[in-house]
Amino acid sequence: MSRSAAPPSRTDDRSIWSAALVCPVASPPVREGGILVNGDRIEAVGPADELRAAAPGAPERAFGRAVLIPGMVNAHTHLELSGLGRFGEGGPPEGGMAGWIGRLVRELREWPPHLFLASARLGAAASLASGVTCAGDITVSGQSLPAMGDAGLRGVAFHEAFGLEEERAEEILAERIPAEGEIPDMAGGLAGGLRQGVSPHAPYSTSPRLYRLLLDLAGARGWPAAGHLAESPEEVQFLLDGGGPLAEMHRALGSRAESFTPPGFYPLSHLYEIYLI
């Protein structure tokens, strides 16, 4: 069994999954292949006939003319927004990206925690149904963490934080990021395949001080970090001179855009300067 992942061990919990094509990714595809499963572990991958001989009598789930692949990865998603459906569907959003964000924020301000949780569960179920088993999820509410854990998704739940007011950076950090060791209620606790992380939202919504606090915290806890960068021309304008549609969006949402001093840099250079300060 040249493509075997490990020598099979006989137990009562073995089964074979077979299909016209099995793609292990790390080795060439196997025509008329199979996967020998023991409980929640893969024991071997190879030609289905060889697996049947190695595990006589093991029940088989035959997928026929199908392709079996490892679970897919969605590296950036917002599971808790799944309940919105196609928000703003029907062509380019009115007011561009700034207008779309404004409408989204106003909508989410009305959501209680249980609605975020229900929405995240919809997203987790849809992910699994489409073959995604690992996700990098950006969460404002923190409710996608239990939704991912309860569904069995692996990956990282990045706690998102934003705010332009430098003087409120510590307060925002305390509000948005769970204390070390603190996790929302979830079945079975925090699974081994699920981690927490931090996400400074974007340069047009996150003060340099908050950026540094978030990244310092991530380093101290060994958490990964993720964020949005250079999403639109409006972001460039806001960072260069503090004006444009994003400034109008901040004012409309009650955010103190006037407290933000435009750095005069493009987005990537702005983040580079933050790290150097």
C-alpha atoms as a PDB file:
ATOM      1  CA  MET A   1       0.000   0.000   0.000  1.00  0.00           C
ATOM      2  CA  SER A   2       2.480   2.573  -1.296  1.00  0.00           C
ATOM      3  CA  ARG A   3       0.320   5.572  -0.495  1.00  0.00           C
ATOM      4  CA  SER A   4      -0.556   4.409   3.017  1.00  0.00           C
ATOM      5  CA  ALA A   5      -0.428   7.144   5.651  1.00  0.00           C
ATOM      6  CA  ALA A   6       0.244   4.636   8.434  1.00  0.00           C
ATOM      7  CA  PRO A   7       0.072   0.865   8.933  1.00  0.00           C
ATOM      8  CA  PRO A   8      -3.554   0.015   9.661  1.00  0.00           C
ATOM      9  CA  SER A   9      -4.391  -1.265  13.147  1.00  0.00           C
ATOM     10  CA  ARG A  10      -7.393  -3.524  13.576  1.00  0.00           C
ATOM     11  CA  THR A  11     -10.226  -2.072  15.636  1.00  0.00           C
ATOM     12  CA  ASP A  12     -13.997  -2.277  15.471  1.00  0.00           C
ATOM     13  CA  ASP A  13     -14.219   1.372  14.361  1.00  0.00           C
ATOM     14  CA  ARG A  14     -12.642   1.155  10.918  1.00  0.00           C
ATOM     15  CA  SER A  15     -14.443   2.063   7.707  1.00  0.00           C
ATOM     16  CA  ILE A  16     -13.515   2.790   4.100  1.00  0.00           C
ATOM     17  CA  TRP A  17     -14.514   5.819   2.058  1.00  0.00           C
ATOM     18  CA  SER A  18     -14.086   5.228  -1.671  1.00  0.00           C
ATOM     19  CA  ALA A  19     -14.485   7.366  -4.789  1.00  0.00           C
ATOM     20  CA  ALA A  20     -13.498   7.557  -8.443  1.00  0.00           C
ATOM     21  CA  LEU A  21     -10.693   9.938  -7.489  1.00  0.00           C
ATOM     22  CA  VAL A  22      -8.993  10.595  -4.152  1.00  0.00           C
ATOM     23  CA  CYS A  23      -6.684  13.625  -3.933  1.00  0.00           C
ATOM     24  CA  PRO A  24      -4.333  13.508  -0.912  1.00  0.00           C
ATOM     25  CA  VAL A  25      -2.710  16.851  -2.010  1.00  0.00           C
ATOM     26  CA  ALA A  26       0.736  15.849  -0.714  1.00  0.00           C
ATOM     27  CA  SER A  27       0.919  12.988  -3.216  1.00  0.00           C
ATOM     28  CA  PRO A  28      -0.543  12.238  -6.667  1.00  0.00           C
ATOM     29  CA  PRO A  29      -4.292  11.590  -7.054  1.00  0.00           C
ATOM     30  CA  VAL A  30      -5.462   7.994  -6.731  1.00  0.00           C
ATOM     31  CA  ARG A  31      -7.939   6.679  -9.278  1.00  0.00           C
ATOM     32  CA  GLU A  32     -10.541   4.337  -7.782  1.00  0.00           C
ATOM     33  CA  GLY A  33      -9.065   5.274  -4.467  1.00  0.00           C
ATOM     34  CA  GLY A  34     -10.104   5.079  -0.893  1.00  0.00           C
ATOM     35  CA  ILE A  35      -9.479   6.310   2.623  1.00  0.00           C
ATOM     36  CA  LEU A  36      -9.252   3.939   5.563  1.00  0.00           C
ATOM     37  CA  VAL A  37     -10.701   5.698   8.592  1.00  0.00           C
ATOM     38  CA  ASN A  38     -10.390   4.573  12.203  1.00  0.00           C
ATOM     39  CA  GLY A  39     -12.715   6.639  14.359  1.00  0.00           C
ATOM     40  CA  ASP A  40     -11.680  10.242  13.753  1.00  0.00           C
ATOM     41  CA  ARG A  41      -8.265   9.370  12.290  1.00  0.00           C
ATOM     42  CA  ILE A  42      -7.140   8.526   8.756  1.00  0.00           C
ATOM     43  CA  GLU A  43      -5.055   5.348   8.828  1.00  0.00           C
ATOM     44  CA  ALA A  44      -4.302   4.959   5.143  1.00  0.00           C
ATOM     45  CA  VAL A  45      -4.938   6.381   1.677  1.00  0.00           C
ATOM     46  CA  GLY A  46      -4.535   4.310  -1.481  1.00  0.00           C
ATOM     47  CA  PRO A  47      -6.280   2.164  -4.061  1.00  0.00           C
ATOM     48  CA  ALA A  48      -9.645   1.082  -2.713  1.00  0.00           C
ATOM     49  CA  ASP A  49      -8.964  -2.600  -3.484  1.00  0.00           C
ATOM     50  CA  GLU A  50      -5.824  -2.553  -1.335  1.00  0.00           C
ATOM     51  CA  LEU A  51      -7.698  -0.963   1.547  1.00  0.00           C
ATOM     52  CA  ARG A  52     -10.464  -3.559   1.312  1.00  0.00           C
ATOM     53  CA  ALA A  53      -7.850  -6.319   1.505  1.00  0.00           C
ATOM     54  CA  ALA A  54      -6.179  -4.629   4.500  1.00  0.00           C
ATOM     55  CA  ALA A  55      -9.483  -4.211   6.345  1.00  0.00           C
ATOM     56  CA  PRO A  56     -11.720  -7.134   5.349  1.00  0.00           C
ATOM     57  CA  GLY A  57     -15.277  -6.685   6.487  1.00  0.00           C
ATOM     58  CA  ALA A  58     -14.911  -2.954   7.204  1.00  0.00           C
ATOM     59  CA  PRO A  59     -18.063  -1.069   6.197  1.00  0.00           C
ATOM     60  CA  GLU A  60     -17.638   1.026   3.079  1.00  0.00           C
ATOM     61  CA  ARG A  61     -19.123   4.338   2.085  1.00  0.00           C
ATOM     62  CA  ALA A  62     -18.898   4.498  -1.686  1.00  0.00           C
ATOM     63  CA  PHE A  63     -19.189   7.969  -3.242  1.00  0.00           C
ATOM     64  CA  GLY A  64     -19.011   6.689  -6.833  1.00  0.00           C
ATOM     65  CA  ARG A  65     -18.057   9.226  -9.503  1.00  0.00           C
ATOM     66  CA  ALA A  66     -16.875  11.824  -7.023  1.00  0.00           C
ATOM     67  CA  VAL A  67     -13.633  13.396  -5.858  1.00  0.00           C
ATOM     68  CA  LEU A  68     -12.543  13.138  -2.232  1.00  0.00           C
ATOM     69  CA  ILE A  69     -10.265  15.948  -1.059  1.00  0.00           C
ATOM     70  CA  PRO A  70      -9.136  17.265   2.338  1.00  0.00           C
ATOM     71  CA  GLY A  71     -11.400  19.903   3.845  1.00  0.00           C
ATOM     72  CA  MET A  72     -11.061  23.323   2.253  1.00  0.00           C
ATOM     73  CA  VAL A  73      -9.823  26.447   4.041  1.00  0.00           C
ATOM     74  CA  ASN A  74     -11.582  29.830   4.019  1.00  0.00           C
ATOM     75  CA  ALA A  75      -8.755  32.142   5.085  1.00  0.00           C
ATOM     76  CA  HIS A  76     -10.941  35.230   5.639  1.00  0.00           C
ATOM     77  CA  THR A  77     -14.616  35.171   6.455  1.00  0.00           C
ATOM     78  CA  HIS A  78     -17.233  36.839   8.694  1.00  0.00           C
ATOM     79  CA  LEU A  79     -19.450  33.981   9.859  1.00  0.00           C
ATOM     80  CA  GLU A  80     -21.529  36.179  12.140  1.00  0.00           C
ATOM     81  CA  LEU A  81     -22.725  38.181   9.126  1.00  0.00           C
ATOM     82  CA  SER A  82     -24.217  35.118   7.413  1.00  0.00           C
ATOM     83  CA  GLY A  83     -27.725  36.024   8.553  1.00  0.00           C
ATOM     84  CA  LEU A  84     -27.579  39.200   6.498  1.00  0.00           C
ATOM     85  CA  GLY A  85     -27.741  37.199   3.285  1.00  0.00           C
ATOM     86  CA  ARG A  86     -26.596  39.250   0.311  1.00  0.00           C
ATOM     87  CA  PHE A  87     -26.603  42.550   2.150  1.00  0.00           C
ATOM     88  CA  GLY A  88     -26.925  45.435  -0.263  1.00  0.00           C
ATOM     89  CA  GLU A  89     -27.535  43.106  -3.203  1.00  0.00           C
ATOM     90  CA  GLY A  90     -28.363  44.690  -6.525  1.00  0.00           C
ATOM     91  CA  GLY A  91     -25.309  46.258  -8.140  1.00  0.00           C
ATOM     92  CA  PRO A  92     -22.656  48.611  -6.763  1.00  0.00           C
ATOM     93  CA  PRO A  93     -23.509  49.802  -3.241  1.00  0.00           C
ATOM     94  CA  GLU A  94     -24.948  53.276  -2.957  1.00  0.00           C
ATOM     95  CA  GLY A  95     -22.247  55.614  -1.714  1.00  0.00           C
ATOM     96  CA  GLY A  96     -19.498  53.129  -2.591  1.00  0.00           C
ATOM     97  CA  MET A  97     -17.757  51.100   0.053  1.00  0.00           C
ATOM     98  CA  ALA A  98     -18.094  53.854   2.671  1.00  0.00           C
ATOM     99  CA  GLY A  99     -21.863  53.936   2.190  1.00  0.00           C
ATOM    100  CA  TRP A 100     -22.086  50.151   2.386  1.00  0.00           C
ATOM    101  CA  ILE A 101     -20.056  50.044   5.622  1.00  0.00           C
ATOM    102  CA  GLY A 102     -22.253  52.762   7.130  1.00  0.00           C
ATOM    103  CA  ARG A 103     -25.423  50.790   6.433  1.00  0.00           C
ATOM    104  CA  LEU A 104     -23.834  47.586   7.738  1.00  0.00           C
ATOM    105  CA  VAL A 105     -22.716  49.190  11.013  1.00  0.00           C
ATOM    106  CA  ARG A 106     -26.138  50.754  11.613  1.00  0.00           C
ATOM    107  CA  GLU A 107     -27.763  47.357  11.042  1.00  0.00           C
ATOM    108  CA  LEU A 108     -25.407  45.497  13.388  1.00  0.00           C
ATOM    109  CA  ARG A 109     -25.792  48.054  16.166  1.00  0.00           C
ATOM    110  CA  GLU A 110     -29.348  46.734  16.588  1.00  0.00           C
ATOM    111  CA  TRP A 111     -28.284  43.090  16.951  1.00  0.00           C
ATOM    112  CA  PRO A 112     -28.282  41.422  20.399  1.00  0.00           C
ATOM    113  CA  PRO A 113     -25.604  38.773  21.141  1.00  0.00           C
ATOM    114  CA  HIS A 114     -27.928  35.831  20.462  1.00  0.00           C
ATOM    115  CA  LEU A 115     -28.564  37.091  16.934  1.00  0.00           C
ATOM    116  CA  PHE A 116     -24.820  37.196  16.232  1.00  0.00           C
ATOM    117  CA  LEU A 117     -24.574  33.633  17.547  1.00  0.00           C
ATOM    118  CA  ALA A 118     -27.475  32.378  15.426  1.00  0.00           C
ATOM    119  CA  SER A 119     -26.035  34.102  12.363  1.00  0.00           C
ATOM    120  CA  ALA A 120     -22.583  32.621  12.980  1.00  0.00           C
ATOM    121  CA  ARG A 121     -24.106  29.168  13.312  1.00  0.00           C
ATOM    122  CA  LEU A 122     -25.740  29.600   9.911  1.00  0.00           C
ATOM    123  CA  GLY A 123     -22.325  30.475   8.472  1.00  0.00           C
ATOM    124  CA  ALA A 124     -20.614  27.541  10.161  1.00  0.00           C
ATOM    125  CA  ALA A 125     -23.234  25.107   8.835  1.00  0.00           C
ATOM    126  CA  ALA A 126     -22.993  26.564   5.319  1.00  0.00           C
ATOM    127  CA  SER A 127     -19.202  26.293   5.452  1.00  0.00           C
ATOM    128  CA  LEU A 128     -19.289  22.609   6.348  1.00  0.00           C
ATOM    129  CA  ALA A 129     -21.973  21.934   3.732  1.00  0.00           C
ATOM    130  CA  SER A 130     -19.691  23.386   1.036  1.00  0.00           C
ATOM    131  CA  GLY A 131     -16.610  21.443   2.139  1.00  0.00           C
ATOM    132  CA  VAL A 132     -14.906  24.103   4.267  1.00  0.00           C
ATOM    133  CA  THR A 133     -13.558  22.611   7.499  1.00  0.00           C
ATOM    134  CA  CYS A 134     -11.075  25.312   8.535  1.00  0.00           C
ATOM    135  CA  ALA A 135     -11.692  29.072   8.680  1.00  0.00           C
ATOM    136  CA  GLY A 136     -10.004  32.328   9.567  1.00  0.00           C
ATOM    137  CA  ASP A 137     -13.009  34.198  10.937  1.00  0.00           C
ATOM    138  CA  ILE A 138     -13.217  37.880  11.852  1.00  0.00           C
ATOM    139  CA  THR A 139     -15.639  38.437  14.737  1.00  0.00           C
ATOM    140  CA  VAL A 140     -16.875  41.653  16.332  1.00  0.00           C
ATOM    141  CA  SER A 141     -19.172  39.994  18.846  1.00  0.00           C
ATOM    142  CA  GLY A 142     -17.020  36.991  19.743  1.00  0.00           C
ATOM    143  CA  GLN A 143     -20.029  34.762  19.097  1.00  0.00           C
ATOM    144  CA  SER A 144     -18.496  33.029  16.091  1.00  0.00           C
ATOM    145  CA  LEU A 145     -16.030  31.289  18.414  1.00  0.00           C
ATOM    146  CA  PRO A 146     -18.653  29.056  20.074  1.00  0.00           C
ATOM    147  CA  ALA A 147     -20.414  28.651  16.736  1.00  0.00           C
ATOM    148  CA  MET A 148     -17.206  27.317  15.163  1.00  0.00           C
ATOM    149  CA  GLY A 149     -16.414  25.122  18.147  1.00  0.00           C
ATOM    150  CA  ASP A 150     -19.877  23.603  18.385  1.00  0.00           C
ATOM    151  CA  ALA A 151     -19.899  22.875  14.642  1.00  0.00           C
ATOM    152  CA  GLY A 152     -16.458  21.235  14.727  1.00  0.00           C
ATOM    153  CA  LEU A 153     -14.784  23.826  12.501  1.00  0.00           C
ATOM    154  CA  ARG A 154     -11.046  24.297  12.949  1.00  0.00           C
ATOM    155  CA  GLY A 155      -9.177  27.564  12.486  1.00  0.00           C
ATOM    156  CA  VAL A 156      -8.883  30.949  14.170  1.00  0.00           C
ATOM    157  CA  ALA A 157     -11.514  33.344  15.503  1.00  0.00           C
ATOM    158  CA  PHE A 158      -9.938  36.804  15.233  1.00  0.00           C
ATOM    159  CA  HIS A 159     -11.475  39.267  17.718  1.00  0.00           C
ATOM    160  CA  GLU A 160     -11.893  42.519  15.802  1.00  0.00           C
ATOM    161  CA  ALA A 161     -11.304  45.930  17.364  1.00  0.00           C
ATOM    162  CA  PHE A 162     -11.510  49.438  15.948  1.00  0.00           C
ATOM    163  CA  GLY A 163     -11.630  53.048  17.040  1.00  0.00           C
ATOM    164  CA  LEU A 164      -9.824  56.204  15.911  1.00  0.00           C
ATOM    165  CA  GLU A 165      -9.601  57.866  19.335  1.00  0.00           C
ATOM    166  CA  GLU A 166      -6.042  57.398  20.600  1.00  0.00           C
ATOM    167  CA  GLU A 167      -7.049  58.214  24.170  1.00  0.00           C
ATOM    168  CA  ARG A 168      -9.584  55.340  24.194  1.00  0.00           C
ATOM    169  CA  ALA A 169      -7.232  52.660  22.876  1.00  0.00           C
ATOM    170  CA  GLU A 170      -6.834  50.845  26.231  1.00  0.00           C
ATOM    171  CA  GLU A 171     -10.567  51.021  26.892  1.00  0.00           C
ATOM    172  CA  ILE A 172     -11.392  49.613  23.461  1.00  0.00           C
ATOM    173  CA  LEU A 173      -8.870  46.812  23.931  1.00  0.00           C
ATOM    174  CA  ALA A 174     -10.487  45.809  27.231  1.00  0.00           C
ATOM    175  CA  GLU A 175     -13.965  45.922  25.685  1.00  0.00           C
ATOM    176  CA  ARG A 176     -13.184  43.971  22.536  1.00  0.00           C
ATOM    177  CA  ILE A 177     -10.586  41.360  23.483  1.00  0.00           C
ATOM    178  CA  PRO A 178     -11.375  38.619  26.018  1.00  0.00           C
ATOM    179  CA  ALA A 179      -9.145  38.366  29.065  1.00  0.00           C
ATOM    180  CA  GLU A 180      -6.508  35.650  28.811  1.00  0.00           C
ATOM    181  CA  GLY A 181      -8.110  32.265  29.341  1.00  0.00           C
ATOM    182  CA  GLU A 182     -11.634  33.654  28.896  1.00  0.00           C
ATOM    183  CA  ILE A 183     -13.764  32.098  26.161  1.00  0.00           C
ATOM    184  CA  PRO A 184     -17.501  32.154  25.448  1.00  0.00           C
ATOM    185  CA  ASP A 185     -19.574  29.143  26.484  1.00  0.00           C
ATOM    186  CA  MET A 186     -19.173  26.357  23.971  1.00  0.00           C
ATOM    187  CA  ALA A 187     -19.665  22.620  23.915  1.00  0.00           C
ATOM    188  CA  GLY A 188     -16.484  20.866  24.988  1.00  0.00           C
ATOM    189  CA  GLY A 189     -14.549  24.067  25.688  1.00  0.00           C
ATOM    190  CA  LEU A 190     -11.934  25.406  23.251  1.00  0.00           C
ATOM    191  CA  ALA A 191     -11.073  22.539  20.914  1.00  0.00           C
ATOM    192  CA  GLY A 192      -7.476  21.798  20.005  1.00  0.00           C
ATOM    193  CA  GLY A 193      -8.056  22.746  16.376  1.00  0.00           C
ATOM    194  CA  LEU A 194      -9.570  26.145  17.211  1.00  0.00           C
ATOM    195  CA  ARG A 195      -7.581  29.192  18.301  1.00  0.00           C
ATOM    196  CA  GLN A 196      -8.200  32.844  19.117  1.00  0.00           C
ATOM    197  CA  GLY A 197      -6.524  35.840  17.499  1.00  0.00           C
ATOM    198  CA  VAL A 198      -6.811  39.608  17.175  1.00  0.00           C
ATOM    199  CA  SER A 199      -7.816  41.770  14.236  1.00  0.00           C
ATOM    200  CA  PRO A 200      -7.184  45.517  14.012  1.00  0.00           C
ATOM    201  CA  HIS A 201     -10.002  46.321  11.593  1.00  0.00           C
ATOM    202  CA  ALA A 202      -8.289  48.650   9.094  1.00  0.00           C
ATOM    203  CA  PRO A 203      -6.050  51.741   8.926  1.00  0.00           C
ATOM    204  CA  TYR A 204      -9.074  53.978   8.298  1.00  0.00           C
ATOM    205  CA  SER A 205     -10.849  52.778  11.458  1.00  0.00           C
ATOM    206  CA  THR A 206      -8.099  51.889  13.934  1.00  0.00           C
ATOM    207  CA  SER A 207      -5.769  54.344  15.647  1.00  0.00           C
ATOM    208  CA  PRO A 208      -2.012  53.676  15.577  1.00  0.00           C
ATOM    209  CA  ARG A 209      -2.021  53.229  19.363  1.00  0.00           C
ATOM    210  CA  LEU A 210      -4.770  50.617  19.202  1.00  0.00           C
ATOM    211  CA  TYR A 211      -2.893  48.822  16.420  1.00  0.00           C
ATOM    212  CA  ARG A 212       0.215  48.594  18.592  1.00  0.00           C
ATOM    213  CA  LEU A 213      -1.709  47.466  21.677  1.00  0.00           C
ATOM    214  CA  LEU A 214      -3.458  44.718  19.718  1.00  0.00           C
ATOM    215  CA  LEU A 215      -0.274  43.453  18.120  1.00  0.00           C
ATOM    216  CA  ASP A 216       1.617  43.575  21.428  1.00  0.00           C
ATOM    217  CA  LEU A 217      -1.153  41.565  23.070  1.00  0.00           C
ATOM    218  CA  ALA A 218      -1.107  39.031  20.238  1.00  0.00           C
ATOM    219  CA  GLY A 219       2.637  38.625  20.645  1.00  0.00           C
ATOM    220  CA  ALA A 220       2.369  38.206  24.408  1.00  0.00           C
ATOM    221  CA  ARG A 221      -0.328  35.522  24.119  1.00  0.00           C
ATOM    222  CA  GLY A 222       1.079  33.805  21.061  1.00  0.00           C
ATOM    223  CA  TRP A 223      -2.041  34.653  19.084  1.00  0.00           C
ATOM    224  CA  PRO A 224      -2.121  35.268  15.319  1.00  0.00           C
ATOM    225  CA  ALA A 225      -3.257  38.634  13.946  1.00  0.00           C
ATOM    226  CA  ALA A 226      -5.195  39.582  10.816  1.00  0.00           C
ATOM    227  CA  GLY A 227      -6.748  42.700   9.365  1.00  0.00           C
ATOM    228  CA  HIS A 228      -7.991  44.568   6.307  1.00  0.00           C
ATOM    229  CA  LEU A 229      -5.625  46.645   4.208  1.00  0.00           C
ATOM    230  CA  ALA A 230      -5.921  48.800   1.075  1.00  0.00           C
ATOM    231  CA  GLU A 231      -9.537  47.849   0.432  1.00  0.00           C
ATOM    232  CA  SER A 232     -10.528  50.879  -1.605  1.00  0.00           C
ATOM    233  CA  PRO A 233      -9.344  54.178  -3.111  1.00  0.00           C
ATOM    234  CA  GLU A 234     -11.352  55.918  -0.369  1.00  0.00           C
ATOM    235  CA  GLU A 235      -8.989  54.420   2.208  1.00  0.00           C
ATOM    236  CA  VAL A 236      -6.000  55.932   0.437  1.00  0.00           C
ATOM    237  CA  GLN A 237      -7.641  59.365   0.377  1.00  0.00           C
ATOM    238  CA  PHE A 238      -8.534  59.201   4.067  1.00  0.00           C
ATOM    239  CA  LEU A 239      -4.971  58.294   5.056  1.00  0.00           C
ATOM    240  CA  LEU A 240      -3.441  60.955   2.812  1.00  0.00           C
ATOM    241  CA  ASP A 241      -5.585  63.947   3.792  1.00  0.00           C
ATOM    242  CA  GLY A 242      -8.302  62.790   6.227  1.00  0.00           C
ATOM    243  CA  GLY A 243     -11.119  63.572   3.806  1.00  0.00           C
ATOM    244  CA  GLY A 244     -13.410  61.847   1.367  1.00  0.00           C
ATOM    245  CA  PRO A 245     -16.266  59.367   1.747  1.00  0.00           C
ATOM    246  CA  LEU A 246     -14.723  57.551   4.710  1.00  0.00           C
ATOM    247  CA  ALA A 247     -14.501  60.798   6.680  1.00  0.00           C
ATOM    248  CA  GLU A 248     -18.182  61.400   5.902  1.00  0.00           C
ATOM    249  CA  MET A 249     -18.973  57.834   6.978  1.00  0.00           C
ATOM    250  CA  HIS A 250     -17.256  58.361  10.338  1.00  0.00           C
ATOM    251  CA  ARG A 251     -19.199  61.554  10.964  1.00  0.00           C
ATOM    252  CA  ALA A 252     -22.491  59.905  10.016  1.00  0.00           C
ATOM    253  CA  LEU A 253     -21.809  57.058  12.458  1.00  0.00           C
ATOM    254  CA  GLY A 254     -20.794  59.372  15.274  1.00  0.00           C
ATOM    255  CA  SER A 255     -17.146  58.375  15.129  1.00  0.00           C
ATOM    256  CA  ARG A 256     -14.687  61.134  15.917  1.00  0.00           C
ATOM    257  CA  ALA A 257     -12.857  61.256  12.612  1.00  0.00           C
ATOM    258  CA  GLU A 258     -11.504  64.686  13.529  1.00  0.00           C
ATOM    259  CA  SER A 259      -9.429  63.057  16.283  1.00  0.00           C
ATOM    260  CA  PHE A 260      -7.486  61.136  13.642  1.00  0.00           C
ATOM    261  CA  THR A 261      -4.407  62.825  12.252  1.00  0.00           C
ATOM    262  CA  PRO A 262      -3.930  61.626   8.670  1.00  0.00           C
ATOM    263  CA  PRO A 263      -0.423  60.188   8.374  1.00  0.00           C
ATOM    264  CA  GLY A 264       0.023  61.247   4.752  1.00  0.00           C
ATOM    265  CA  PHE A 265       1.068  57.719   3.769  1.00  0.00           C
ATOM    266  CA  TYR A 266      -0.425  54.983   1.649  1.00  0.00           C
ATOM    267  CA  PRO A 267      -1.932  52.081   3.680  1.00  0.00           C
ATOM    268  CA  LEU A 268       1.069  49.736   3.680  1.00  0.00           C
ATOM    269  CA  SER A 269       3.512  52.536   4.465  1.00  0.00           C
ATOM    270  CA  HIS A 270       1.208  53.700   7.261  1.00  0.00           C
ATOM    271  CA  LEU A 271       1.367  50.285   8.936  1.00  0.00           C
ATOM    272  CA  TYR A 272       5.131  50.224   8.480  1.00  0.00           C
ATOM    273  CA  GLU A 273       5.375  53.561  10.296  1.00  0.00           C
ATOM    274  CA  ILE A 274       3.170  52.243  13.122  1.00  0.00           C
ATOM    275  CA  TYR A 275       5.576  49.379  13.717  1.00  0.00           C
ATOM    276  CA  LEU A 276       8.553  51.729  13.804  1.00  0.00           C
ATOM    277  CA  ILE A 277       7.066  54.187  16.314  1.00  0.00           C
END
